[in-house]
């Protein structure tokens, strides 16, 4: 398919009109078939996000009228978990942050990794979960098992006998058939919602469908948004002679170190928010570009690509950011982007440059593998195309891109977007609120030690 046609198709698929049309069609089909409003939730015992999601379902059941179907899964295919060891370590820490944010149960001290991921123990708890999902009160029964597992308790050994194996295989096949790959996922009529982080979208959808028990008494799952400037944009693309939100200014303090990929749509969303954080709290923004996963030889299956694309569209709309007119920059376009990064740094416009690039390939349909596309990006960032054009074939960036990746891995991370601020390291554009909490704490401490001068004292 012609690249321009692909970009236009992506724009159509990601449009709000298309999403609303799909939802209307699914609702019509549900009524015709006589289906109830059914939410399917896929959980794995060793997934901390599943643990938190089950607790959140108690709140959802109090707020909305729907049928809940719980499905136990276990497998973690390597194609979807390219670095399972780091994922497990990160997910436990990250889930702890979320549990505290939403005041959910979370063990003060987690069991050792060897105990959590012992095959025999995993199989026993998985077997018990499969039995519980068939019980009279599956949510309560499964939650109790999660409590025991994450508190390091033991249960009566259970065997994954043939009927339970068949049930497990059916659940995992259903997960794949419906188009997903992770546990801790909720599925409702054609759309996926990941853990606590996407329940806000589900609540909004159900509110529109009239499923709320009391529309005025909904507790929203929206506690991970930035406190300042929520929903605001970083304003228009730079034009020569005007100030650009991403232009480097004199900021003091520790930098916000941002590990960024030119192909990652979540990096685009994170960059937009980090520019606001940097300007609002007057902290330097230091961007550390790395190669996209595919260009590092890691597989990204098609269903994962599609979920990320559609999920980014929802999150972009929530942040009032344009997204969907995508010109996939994989390959030559990423190389072009990184080849000019050093030049943009020399001009003190590296943030403005990457902001222009991210917007161009994610929301404006500009193909950066062409000189015409790159010229548009360079000039939108307030840079000189005449100076930039000869640098497009420069390959010296490969050295620092690899160094950035090595540093990212040293932090215990495997992908982007990732942000480091002091000792705090977070992954995903959903966790920038943790960085903001740190910035707010520092601001409060600074204000506490600032004593106002008396009227007669010299300054």
Protein backbone atom coordinates (compact mmCIF):
# COMPACT_ATOMS: atom_id res chain seq x y z
CA UNK A 1 0.00 0.00 0.00
CA UNK A 2 1.24 3.47 -0.85
CA UNK A 3 2.67 5.24 2.20
CA UNK A 4 0.34 8.22 1.83
CA UNK A 5 -2.67 5.89 1.67
CA UNK A 6 -1.44 4.11 4.82
CA UNK A 7 -1.21 7.42 6.65
CA UNK A 8 -4.71 8.41 5.56
CA UNK A 9 -6.04 4.97 6.57
CA UNK A 10 -4.46 5.34 9.99
CA UNK A 11 -6.01 8.78 10.32
CA UNK A 12 -9.44 7.34 9.53
CA UNK A 13 -9.06 4.37 11.90
CA UNK A 14 -7.92 6.63 14.75
CA UNK A 15 -10.61 9.25 14.28
CA UNK A 16 -13.17 9.80 17.01
CA UNK A 17 -15.92 9.44 14.39
CA UNK A 18 -14.73 5.92 13.51
CA UNK A 19 -14.46 4.90 17.15
CA UNK A 20 -17.96 6.17 17.92
CA UNK A 21 -19.32 4.36 14.84
CA UNK A 22 -17.72 1.11 16.01
CA UNK A 23 -19.23 1.53 19.45
CA UNK A 24 -22.69 2.20 18.01
CA UNK A 25 -22.41 -0.89 15.82
CA UNK A 26 -21.30 -3.05 18.77
CA UNK A 27 -24.17 -1.77 20.87
CA UNK A 28 -26.65 -2.54 18.09
CA UNK A 29 -25.20 -6.05 17.65
CA UNK A 30 -25.32 -6.63 21.42
CA UNK A 31 -29.01 -5.71 21.59
CA UNK A 32 -29.90 -7.83 18.55
CA UNK A 33 -28.13 -10.88 19.98
CA UNK A 34 -29.62 -10.36 23.42
CA UNK A 35 -26.23 -10.14 25.14
CA UNK A 36 -25.95 -8.42 28.47
CA UNK A 37 -23.38 -5.69 29.10
CA UNK A 38 -20.54 -8.10 29.76
CA UNK A 39 -17.02 -7.22 30.90
CA UNK A 40 -14.38 -9.92 30.42
CA UNK A 41 -11.33 -9.58 32.66
CA UNK A 42 -8.14 -11.63 32.16
CA UNK A 43 -5.88 -12.07 35.19
CA UNK A 44 -2.68 -13.94 36.04
CA UNK A 45 -1.69 -14.72 39.61
CA UNK A 46 1.89 -13.45 39.21
CA UNK A 47 0.81 -10.19 37.57
CA UNK A 48 0.55 -7.38 40.16
CA UNK A 49 -1.61 -5.31 37.83
CA UNK A 50 -4.17 -8.12 37.83
CA UNK A 51 -4.20 -7.96 41.63
CA UNK A 52 -4.99 -4.24 41.61
CA UNK A 53 -7.54 -4.58 38.81
CA UNK A 54 -9.54 -7.17 40.76
CA UNK A 55 -9.71 -4.80 43.72
CA UNK A 56 -10.88 -1.98 41.44
CA UNK A 57 -13.66 -4.19 40.08
CA UNK A 58 -15.35 -4.02 43.49
CA UNK A 59 -15.77 -0.27 42.97
CA UNK A 60 -16.95 -0.74 39.39
CA UNK A 61 -19.62 -3.22 40.50
CA UNK A 62 -20.95 -0.63 42.93
CA UNK A 63 -21.03 2.06 40.26
CA UNK A 64 -22.34 0.30 37.14
CA UNK A 65 -24.74 -2.42 36.10
CA UNK A 66 -22.91 -5.10 34.11
CA UNK A 67 -22.05 -8.78 34.02
CA UNK A 68 -18.51 -9.72 35.05
CA UNK A 69 -16.68 -12.69 33.56
CA UNK A 70 -13.27 -13.49 35.03
CA UNK A 71 -10.75 -15.55 33.08
CA UNK A 72 -7.49 -16.94 34.43
CA UNK A 73 -4.45 -16.90 32.16
CA UNK A 74 -0.82 -17.79 32.79
CA UNK A 75 1.47 -17.80 29.74
CA UNK A 76 3.77 -14.89 28.95
CA UNK A 77 4.99 -15.30 25.34
CA UNK A 78 8.48 -13.94 24.75
CA UNK A 79 7.33 -11.89 21.75
CA UNK A 80 5.18 -9.81 24.09
CA UNK A 81 7.53 -9.87 27.09
CA UNK A 82 10.96 -9.28 25.51
CA UNK A 83 12.63 -8.78 28.91
CA UNK A 84 10.53 -10.73 31.40
CA UNK A 85 13.03 -10.45 34.27
CA UNK A 86 13.08 -6.64 34.17
CA UNK A 87 9.33 -6.51 33.55
CA UNK A 88 8.67 -8.50 36.71
CA UNK A 89 10.92 -6.32 38.84
CA UNK A 90 9.48 -3.13 37.44
CA UNK A 91 5.84 -4.21 37.67
CA UNK A 92 6.08 -4.97 41.39
CA UNK A 93 7.52 -1.52 42.18
CA UNK A 94 5.10 0.23 39.81
CA UNK A 95 2.07 -1.58 41.21
CA UNK A 96 3.11 -0.43 44.67
CA UNK A 97 2.94 3.19 43.51
CA UNK A 98 -0.52 2.63 42.01
CA UNK A 99 -1.82 0.82 45.10
CA UNK A 100 -0.78 3.73 47.30
CA UNK A 101 -2.31 6.24 44.88
CA UNK A 102 -5.69 4.47 44.90
CA UNK A 103 -5.48 3.22 48.52
CA UNK A 104 -5.66 -0.44 47.54
CA UNK A 105 -4.27 -3.42 49.41
CA UNK A 106 -0.61 -4.11 48.75
CA UNK A 107 1.82 -6.13 50.86
CA UNK A 108 4.31 -4.10 52.84
CA UNK A 109 7.02 -6.65 52.02
CA UNK A 110 6.71 -8.82 48.92
CA UNK A 111 7.92 -12.43 48.89
CA UNK A 112 11.27 -13.16 47.27
CA UNK A 113 11.24 -13.49 43.50
CA UNK A 114 12.13 -17.18 43.78
CA UNK A 115 8.96 -17.77 45.78
CA UNK A 116 6.74 -15.61 43.58
CA UNK A 117 7.81 -17.33 40.38
CA UNK A 118 8.28 -20.89 41.61
CA UNK A 119 6.67 -23.06 38.91
CA UNK A 120 5.02 -25.43 41.38
CA UNK A 121 3.54 -22.57 43.39
CA UNK A 122 2.37 -20.77 40.24
CA UNK A 123 0.62 -23.91 39.02
CA UNK A 124 -1.08 -24.50 42.37
CA UNK A 125 -2.43 -20.96 42.58
CA UNK A 126 -3.43 -20.97 38.90
CA UNK A 127 -5.37 -24.19 39.44
CA UNK A 128 -7.14 -22.68 42.45
CA UNK A 129 -7.97 -19.54 40.44
CA UNK A 130 -9.51 -21.66 37.70
CA UNK A 131 -11.68 -23.37 40.31
CA UNK A 132 -12.63 -20.03 41.87
CA UNK A 133 -13.73 -18.50 38.56
CA UNK A 134 -16.35 -21.24 38.37
CA UNK A 135 -17.61 -20.61 41.90
CA UNK A 136 -20.62 -18.74 43.22
CA UNK A 137 -18.58 -15.63 44.09
CA UNK A 138 -15.65 -15.69 41.69
CA UNK A 139 -14.41 -12.15 42.39
CA UNK A 140 -14.23 -12.65 46.16
CA UNK A 141 -12.67 -16.10 45.77
CA UNK A 142 -10.02 -14.98 43.31
CA UNK A 143 -9.19 -11.87 45.32
CA UNK A 144 -8.55 -13.99 48.40
CA UNK A 145 -6.13 -16.13 46.40
CA UNK A 146 -4.32 -13.02 45.17
CA UNK A 147 -4.03 -11.76 48.76
CA UNK A 148 -2.46 -15.05 49.81
CA UNK A 149 -0.10 -15.23 46.85
CA UNK A 150 1.27 -11.70 47.19
CA UNK A 151 1.63 -12.01 50.96
CA UNK A 152 3.74 -15.13 50.54
CA UNK A 153 1.21 -17.50 52.08
CA UNK A 154 0.90 -21.14 51.12
CA UNK A 155 -2.17 -22.98 49.95
CA UNK A 156 -3.08 -26.59 49.51
CA UNK A 157 -1.19 -27.91 46.51
CA UNK A 158 -3.40 -28.27 43.45
CA UNK A 159 -2.77 -29.98 40.14
CA UNK A 160 -3.65 -28.54 36.75
CA UNK A 161 -5.64 -31.61 35.80
CA UNK A 162 -6.97 -32.09 32.28
CA UNK A 163 -10.26 -30.19 32.78
CA UNK A 164 -8.43 -27.23 34.31
CA UNK A 165 -5.78 -27.33 31.59
CA UNK A 166 -8.54 -27.22 29.00
CA UNK A 167 -10.16 -24.27 30.75
CA UNK A 168 -6.83 -22.43 30.94
CA UNK A 169 -6.12 -23.03 27.26
CA UNK A 170 -9.60 -21.78 26.37
CA UNK A 171 -9.07 -18.57 28.38
CA UNK A 172 -5.71 -17.91 26.75
CA UNK A 173 -7.10 -18.63 23.28
CA UNK A 174 -9.97 -16.21 24.00
CA UNK A 175 -7.46 -13.53 25.00
CA UNK A 176 -5.61 -13.98 21.70
CA UNK A 177 -8.79 -14.24 19.62
CA UNK A 178 -10.09 -10.95 21.00
CA UNK A 179 -6.79 -9.32 20.08
CA UNK A 180 -4.62 -9.04 23.17
CA UNK A 181 -1.61 -10.57 24.87
CA UNK A 182 -1.27 -9.18 28.45
CA UNK A 183 -2.99 -10.13 31.65
CA UNK A 184 -4.52 -7.46 33.85
CA UNK A 185 -6.75 -6.55 30.90
CA UNK A 186 -10.47 -5.81 30.68
CA UNK A 187 -12.43 -6.24 27.44
CA UNK A 188 -15.78 -4.69 26.64
CA UNK A 189 -17.44 -4.79 23.22
CA UNK A 190 -14.47 -4.40 20.93
CA UNK A 191 -12.13 -2.34 23.16
CA UNK A 192 -9.38 -3.21 25.63
CA UNK A 193 -8.68 -1.45 28.91
CA UNK A 194 -5.35 -2.04 30.64
CA UNK A 195 -5.51 -2.28 34.42
CA UNK A 196 -6.36 0.73 36.56
CA UNK A 197 -4.77 3.09 34.05
CA UNK A 198 -7.54 2.75 31.47
CA UNK A 199 -10.62 2.22 33.64
CA UNK A 200 -11.41 5.93 33.28
CA UNK A 201 -12.11 5.34 29.59
CA UNK A 202 -14.39 2.43 30.44
CA UNK A 203 -16.25 4.52 33.02
CA UNK A 204 -16.80 7.27 30.46
CA UNK A 205 -18.13 4.77 27.94
CA UNK A 206 -20.53 3.16 30.40
CA UNK A 207 -21.73 6.53 31.61
CA UNK A 208 -22.70 7.39 28.03
CA UNK A 209 -24.55 4.06 27.77
CA UNK A 210 -26.55 4.83 30.89
CA UNK A 211 -25.14 1.97 32.97
CA UNK A 212 -24.28 4.09 36.01
CA UNK A 213 -26.21 3.33 39.19
CA UNK A 214 -25.85 6.99 40.20
CA UNK A 215 -24.10 9.24 37.64
CA UNK A 216 -23.41 11.84 40.35
CA UNK A 217 -21.60 9.41 42.66
CA UNK A 218 -18.89 7.97 40.44
CA UNK A 219 -15.38 7.66 41.85
CA UNK A 220 -13.22 8.20 38.79
CA UNK A 221 -10.05 6.28 38.06
CA UNK A 222 -8.21 9.41 37.04
CA UNK A 223 -5.71 9.95 39.87
CA UNK A 224 -2.63 9.64 37.66
CA UNK A 225 -3.07 12.84 35.66
CA UNK A 226 -0.67 15.75 36.05
CA UNK A 227 -1.87 18.30 38.60
CA UNK A 228 -1.17 21.43 36.60
CA UNK A 229 -2.28 22.27 33.08
CA UNK A 230 -4.33 19.09 32.70
CA UNK A 231 -5.57 18.80 29.14
CA UNK A 232 -3.72 21.88 27.93
CA UNK A 233 -1.49 21.79 24.88
CA UNK A 234 2.08 23.03 24.64
CA UNK A 235 0.75 25.47 21.98
CA UNK A 236 1.49 25.80 18.32
CA UNK A 237 4.49 24.52 16.39
CA UNK A 238 7.36 26.99 16.32
CA UNK A 239 7.52 29.63 13.66
CA UNK A 240 10.66 31.74 13.23
CA UNK A 241 10.63 34.77 15.48
CA UNK A 242 8.25 33.32 18.09
CA UNK A 243 8.96 31.58 21.37
CA UNK A 244 8.73 27.79 21.31
CA UNK A 245 7.70 25.79 24.40
CA UNK A 246 10.49 23.32 23.75
CA UNK A 247 13.29 25.84 23.27
CA UNK A 248 16.07 25.54 25.83
CA UNK A 249 16.05 28.25 28.48
CA UNK A 250 18.20 28.65 31.57
CA UNK A 251 16.76 26.20 34.08
CA UNK A 252 18.44 25.03 37.25
CA UNK A 253 18.40 21.87 39.33
CA UNK A 254 18.51 18.21 38.44
CA UNK A 255 17.52 17.43 34.86
CA UNK A 256 14.53 15.41 33.76
CA UNK A 257 16.35 12.65 31.86
CA UNK A 258 13.99 11.33 29.21
CA UNK A 259 14.74 8.13 27.27
CA UNK A 260 12.89 8.64 24.00
CA UNK A 261 12.25 6.71 20.79
CA UNK A 262 11.39 8.55 17.59
CA UNK A 263 8.97 5.78 16.64
CA UNK A 264 7.19 5.36 19.99
CA UNK A 265 3.75 7.04 20.11
CA UNK A 266 3.87 6.90 23.92
CA UNK A 267 7.17 8.82 23.73
CA UNK A 268 5.31 11.49 21.79
CA UNK A 269 2.66 11.79 24.51
CA UNK A 270 5.31 11.81 27.22
CA UNK A 271 7.35 14.48 25.45
CA UNK A 272 4.38 16.82 25.24
CA UNK A 273 3.81 16.46 28.99
CA UNK A 274 7.48 16.68 29.94
CA UNK A 275 7.87 19.96 28.06
CA UNK A 276 5.10 21.34 30.29
CA UNK A 277 6.69 19.91 33.43
CA UNK A 278 10.08 21.31 32.48
CA UNK A 279 8.70 24.79 31.85
CA UNK A 280 6.37 24.87 34.84
CA UNK A 281 8.88 23.62 37.42
CA UNK A 282 11.92 25.17 35.71
CA UNK A 283 13.91 21.95 35.43
CA UNK A 284 16.20 21.15 32.48
CA UNK A 285 14.85 18.51 30.09
CA UNK A 286 17.61 16.20 28.87
CA UNK A 287 16.49 13.84 26.10
CA UNK A 288 18.32 10.54 25.57
CA UNK A 289 17.18 9.03 22.23
CA UNK A 290 17.40 5.25 21.72
CA UNK A 291 16.63 3.05 18.74
CA UNK A 292 13.08 1.65 18.46
CA UNK A 293 12.65 -1.96 19.57
CA UNK A 294 12.19 -3.28 16.03
CA UNK A 295 15.44 -1.62 14.92
CA UNK A 296 17.14 -3.37 17.85
CA UNK A 297 15.98 -6.76 16.58
CA UNK A 298 13.05 -7.19 18.99
CA UNK A 299 9.71 -8.40 17.67
CA UNK A 300 6.55 -6.30 17.98
CA UNK A 301 3.58 -8.50 16.93
CA UNK A 302 0.79 -6.94 14.91
CA UNK A 303 -1.84 -7.18 17.65
CA UNK A 304 0.48 -5.27 19.98
CA UNK A 305 1.02 -2.57 17.35
CA UNK A 306 -2.74 -2.19 16.85
CA UNK A 307 -3.49 -1.99 20.57
CA UNK A 308 -0.78 0.65 21.10
CA UNK A 309 -2.08 2.65 18.13
CA UNK A 310 -5.70 2.68 19.34
CA UNK A 311 -4.75 3.19 22.97
CA UNK A 312 -2.56 6.16 22.08
CA UNK A 313 -5.50 7.68 20.23
CA UNK A 314 -7.66 7.50 23.36
CA UNK A 315 -4.91 8.89 25.58
CA UNK A 316 -4.09 11.67 23.12
CA UNK A 317 -7.72 12.73 22.99
CA UNK A 318 -7.82 12.74 26.79
CA UNK A 319 -4.81 15.09 26.81
CA UNK A 320 -6.26 17.14 23.93
CA UNK A 321 -3.38 16.28 21.67
CA UNK A 322 -3.68 15.50 17.95
CA UNK A 323 -2.85 11.93 16.96
CA UNK A 324 -3.63 9.45 14.22
CA UNK A 325 -2.34 10.92 10.97
CA UNK A 326 0.69 8.66 11.39
CA UNK A 327 3.63 8.44 9.00
CA UNK A 328 5.50 5.49 10.50
CA UNK A 329 9.13 6.63 10.87
CA UNK A 330 10.60 3.12 11.13
CA UNK A 331 13.98 2.85 9.42
CA UNK A 332 15.33 5.75 7.38
CA UNK A 333 13.11 8.34 9.06
CA UNK A 334 14.45 7.45 12.53
CA UNK A 335 18.00 7.61 11.14
CA UNK A 336 17.29 11.07 9.71
CA UNK A 337 15.88 12.20 13.03
CA UNK A 338 18.90 11.09 15.02
CA UNK A 339 21.41 12.31 12.41
CA UNK A 340 20.27 15.90 13.02
CA UNK A 341 19.93 15.66 16.80
CA UNK A 342 23.49 16.83 17.53
CA UNK A 343 23.00 19.81 15.21
CA UNK A 344 19.79 20.74 17.06
CA UNK A 345 21.68 20.46 20.36
CA UNK A 346 24.36 22.85 19.09
CA UNK A 347 21.60 25.35 18.34
CA UNK A 348 20.04 24.81 21.80
CA UNK A 349 16.85 23.57 20.13
CA UNK A 350 17.01 19.80 20.61
CA UNK A 351 13.72 19.69 22.55
CA UNK A 352 11.96 21.89 19.99
CA UNK A 353 13.36 19.70 17.21
CA UNK A 354 12.18 16.38 18.68
CA UNK A 355 8.82 17.93 19.53
CA UNK A 356 8.44 19.00 15.91
CA UNK A 357 9.50 15.55 14.69
CA UNK A 358 7.15 13.69 17.04
CA UNK A 359 4.20 15.85 16.05
CA UNK A 360 5.02 15.55 12.35
CA UNK A 361 5.10 11.74 12.25
CA UNK A 362 2.30 11.14 14.78
CA UNK A 363 -0.30 13.72 13.87
CA UNK A 364 0.60 15.53 10.64
CA UNK A 365 1.40 12.69 8.23
CA UNK A 366 4.87 13.97 7.29
CA UNK A 367 7.19 11.22 6.07
CA UNK A 368 10.60 11.88 7.54
CA UNK A 369 12.36 9.41 5.24
CA UNK A 370 12.09 12.08 2.52
CA UNK A 371 13.97 15.36 2.32
CA UNK A 372 10.69 17.22 1.92
CA UNK A 373 9.38 15.78 5.17
CA UNK A 374 12.59 16.50 7.06
CA UNK A 375 12.74 20.04 5.73
CA UNK A 376 9.26 20.71 7.10
CA UNK A 377 10.29 19.35 10.51
CA UNK A 378 13.58 21.24 10.63
CA UNK A 379 11.98 24.54 9.72
CA UNK A 380 9.08 24.03 12.15
CA UNK A 381 11.71 23.69 14.89
CA UNK A 382 13.24 27.02 13.89
CA UNK A 383 16.38 25.46 12.43
CA UNK A 384 18.15 26.04 9.11
CA UNK A 385 17.47 23.47 6.41
CA UNK A 386 20.50 24.69 4.49
CA UNK A 387 22.72 23.79 7.46
CA UNK A 388 20.85 20.59 8.36
CA UNK A 389 20.53 18.95 4.94
CA UNK A 390 24.22 17.92 4.53
CA UNK A 391 24.08 16.18 7.93
CA UNK A 392 21.34 13.69 7.03
CA UNK A 393 23.86 11.00 6.07
CA UNK A 394 25.86 11.34 9.31
CA UNK A 395 26.05 8.04 11.25
CA UNK A 396 27.93 9.19 14.33
CA UNK A 397 24.65 9.10 16.28
CA UNK A 398 24.79 5.30 16.45
CA UNK A 399 27.44 5.51 19.14
CA UNK A 400 25.51 7.73 21.53
CA UNK A 401 22.22 5.93 20.80
CA UNK A 402 23.82 2.67 21.97
CA UNK A 403 25.26 4.41 25.04
CA UNK A 404 21.79 5.73 25.89
CA UNK A 405 20.35 2.23 25.54
CA UNK A 406 23.05 0.80 27.81
CA UNK A 407 22.27 3.46 30.39
CA UNK A 408 18.56 2.69 30.11
CA UNK A 409 19.21 -0.99 30.74
CA UNK A 410 21.44 -0.12 33.69
CA UNK A 411 18.41 1.58 35.21
CA UNK A 412 16.57 -1.74 34.97
CA UNK A 413 14.38 -0.71 32.03
CA UNK A 414 14.00 -2.22 28.59
CA UNK A 415 11.83 0.23 26.70
CA UNK A 416 10.55 3.77 26.42
CA UNK A 417 9.27 6.21 27.43
CA UNK A 418 11.35 6.19 30.59
CA UNK A 419 12.11 9.19 32.80
CA UNK A 420 14.74 9.54 35.51
CA UNK A 421 14.71 12.37 38.01
CA UNK A 422 17.28 11.96 40.75
CA UNK A 423 16.70 8.53 42.30
CA UNK A 424 13.21 8.24 40.80
CA UNK A 425 12.89 6.15 37.61
CA UNK A 426 9.48 5.68 35.98
CA UNK A 427 8.37 3.94 32.81
CA UNK A 428 5.45 5.04 30.68
CA UNK A 429 3.67 8.33 30.05
CA UNK A 430 1.14 7.16 32.68
CA UNK A 431 3.68 7.64 35.49
CA UNK A 432 4.81 11.23 34.99
CA UNK A 433 2.66 12.15 37.99
CA UNK A 434 5.29 10.44 40.15
CA UNK A 435 7.90 12.82 38.78
CA UNK A 436 5.57 15.73 39.44
CA UNK A 437 5.02 14.57 43.03
CA UNK A 438 8.79 14.67 43.51
CA UNK A 439 8.96 18.17 42.02
CA UNK A 440 6.10 19.35 44.22
CA UNK A 441 7.77 17.92 47.32
CA UNK A 442 10.97 19.78 46.46
CA UNK A 443 9.06 23.01 45.89
CA UNK A 444 7.31 22.65 49.26
CA UNK A 445 10.62 22.00 51.03
CA UNK A 446 12.15 25.04 49.32
CA UNK A 447 9.25 27.27 50.35
CA UNK A 448 9.51 26.06 53.95
CA UNK A 449 13.07 27.34 54.29
CA UNK A 450 12.41 30.69 52.58
CA UNK A 451 11.75 33.20 55.38
CA UNK A 452 10.26 36.52 54.20
CA UNK A 453 12.27 39.63 55.02
CA UNK A 454 10.89 42.10 57.57
CA UNK A 455 9.95 45.52 56.27
CA UNK A 456 13.02 47.25 57.73
CA UNK A 457 15.60 44.59 56.83
CA UNK A 458 18.01 45.11 53.95
CA UNK A 459 17.74 42.77 50.97
